[in-house]
Amino acid sequence: MKGASREAVWWPGEGTGTLGMTGKMTTAVLLVTLLCLPHAPATARIEDRAFWYSQAKGHIQDILAARRASNGYAKNVILFVGDGMGISTVTAGRILKGQREGQSGEEYRLSFEKFPYVALAKTYNIDAQIGDSSACATALMCGVKANVNTLGLDHRGKFEDCMSSYTAGVTSIIDWAQNHGKSTGIVTNTRITHGTPSALYARSPSRYWEDDAKIPDHSHASCKDIARQLVEDDPGKNINVLMGGGRRHWLPLTDFDREERNQRGRRTDGRNLLDDWVRDKKARDLNAEYVWNKAQFDKVDPRHTDYLLGIFGYSHLDFEVDRNKGPLGDPSLVEMTVKAIQILRKNPRGFFLMVEAGRIDHAHHHNNARRALEEIAVLDDVVQNALNITSIKDTLIVLTADHSHVFTVGGDNTPRGHPITGLDTEISDLDGKPYTTLLYGNGPGYAQTTPTGRHDLTGFNTQDINFVQQAAVPRKYETHGGEDVPVYAIGPGSHLFSGTVEQTYIAHAIAHAACIAEDNSHCEKPFGDDACAAAPGPAPAPTSRRPLGQVPPTVEEDKQQARDPWAWSTGTRAWTWTAYQALTLLMLPVVLVLR
């Protein structure tokens, strides 16, 4: 056996005489050198007790490092809204993203799940237990609870009551930011006049008054539609960046859409608000651009653009999996967000930007879980890109939802790593049929039934992008959920986001953190001093805007952690090569003597 084993191994330079001895010495040098080389960490993941203890310790250090950055006040604020993104949607989206990257999925962490502060927000409206998007957005962005289907109005605003909007109107975070000299922007993949984004600039007794054709005849002379408010009134006409969809509400009935050429505008007043927006900016001698496709968008130079209007769809923008990525298609939510930040960050007084991933909500309404989760993956990428080009030393990032959905993740001890959009490993113990681990409480999925009961999913590809999940109660469209939604925060002032809070609290906490609140007595100096206010404690000094394209430090780079002595780096490579040369020189006399 020894002979066989030896024959199976080749030794460099093995043989008789001087050559064999030299080869053995060379092998010895190589072995010693290899022992000195830094070793890569083991890739095998053993989830024993030591693993969980070590992971928790590392997480604590991450949280402590990030919380140190929460001191001081925010020069910039980015508010991300995942429309319809409840806890179950976050969980399922996390698993899908993790499985796509080769993990089992459950252990994965979305970019915003690494934020050090988390809260829960209550989403009821003045007159509703289960919240509506526009009223929830009013609470989130204006700081007051509202009645269902109203926008930018307090409790006195009544649905479709034009005159009530005269006394019930409230201001939003964008008003507050503009009043303190900040640049402002809105990015969404829904219509720019839709329920969530319009709460930032419109005061309307109906979220459906996106153009004048929707306003009742008796209110035409008294109330403006939402699109017109955006173009003509404060704060809308002063918003620096507006990107989303919904050209149909900007164009007159006589005009065909440039992209969907068989579709006409919906305005009955004969106005083309796109042209009106451009004329207003030219009249004020502002550096402004209007674009409607990706080719035009890609040509926009943020260095020379202060106002950008991008309306890329006749209605909502496509889901990311369906998006036309060509020059005549639409930019992605990631691309729009990055360009918005590049434009807004030129202002030395900072900026406020709201980014909505609005199509999560739309997929849920159709019981199409796969598309909803794909949109969560998009939101994750958007947040990570925003982190990459900003600094948590001067930028507060908050991510939340306006409401949830009746969407569940469940199974009978479903194995870890099981496809999140697949069938459970067990069948129903009552009807003997398979079911998906993702289900809805109500919606169009109920239509998939037979006279003998629930539809049998055997043989169905439940992971198909168009698959409709089953629902317990039949409805044309699935409804919102009424449970609290998560709030994630990082950066200056992020410590304000903890516990269970009213949705209205979020707007006021953002204003406090950015020193744009009604009462800024907590700020050491006003924002008029060309920087964010300095905090009385260990706040970081205000930073000037970095040159365009320069990538700021990431969260990890900001952490003051000791470097692993065995980490592979340029210095390590140099040390290794020097050690190899030294060992070779030391062994040279021995080799010469043996020769």
Foldseek 3Di string as FASTA:
>chain_A
DVVVVVVVDDQAQPDDDLSNVVSVLVVVLVVVLVVVAQDDDDPDDDPDPVNVVVVVVVLVLLLVLQVVQQAWFFLAEEEEAAAQDFPQLLQLLQQQVQVVVVHLRNPGDFPLNSFNFKEWAFQAAPPGLAHDLQQLLLLQWQLAGDDHQWAQFHPQQAALPLVSLVPGHTAGLLLLQVVQPAAEEEAEQFACLARRNLNHFDGGSGSPQQAVVPRDPVCSVPDHGSLVSLCPHPPNLRHAYYAWAAQLRQFDQVDADPQNRVHGRHHPVHHRSVVSSVVVCVVVVAQEDEEAWQLVVVPDDLVRGRHYHYHHYNGGADQPVPFDPDRRTHDALLSSLVSVCSNRQQQLSYYYYYYYLHCLVVCQQAQQSLSNSVSVVSVSSNVVSVLFADPLLRYKYKYKYSFHFQKAADDDCADRSDNQQDWGPADDPPPRAIFHRIEGQEHQLCVCADPVGHHHCVPPPSNDSPHHHHHDYYDPTGDTDRGIMMMGMTHHQRVVHYYYYHSSVNRVSSCQSQVSDPDPPQFPDRSVVSFTGTHPPPRDDGDGRDPPPDTDDGSVRSNPDDDDPSDDDPVSVVVSVVVSVVSVVVCVVVSVVSD
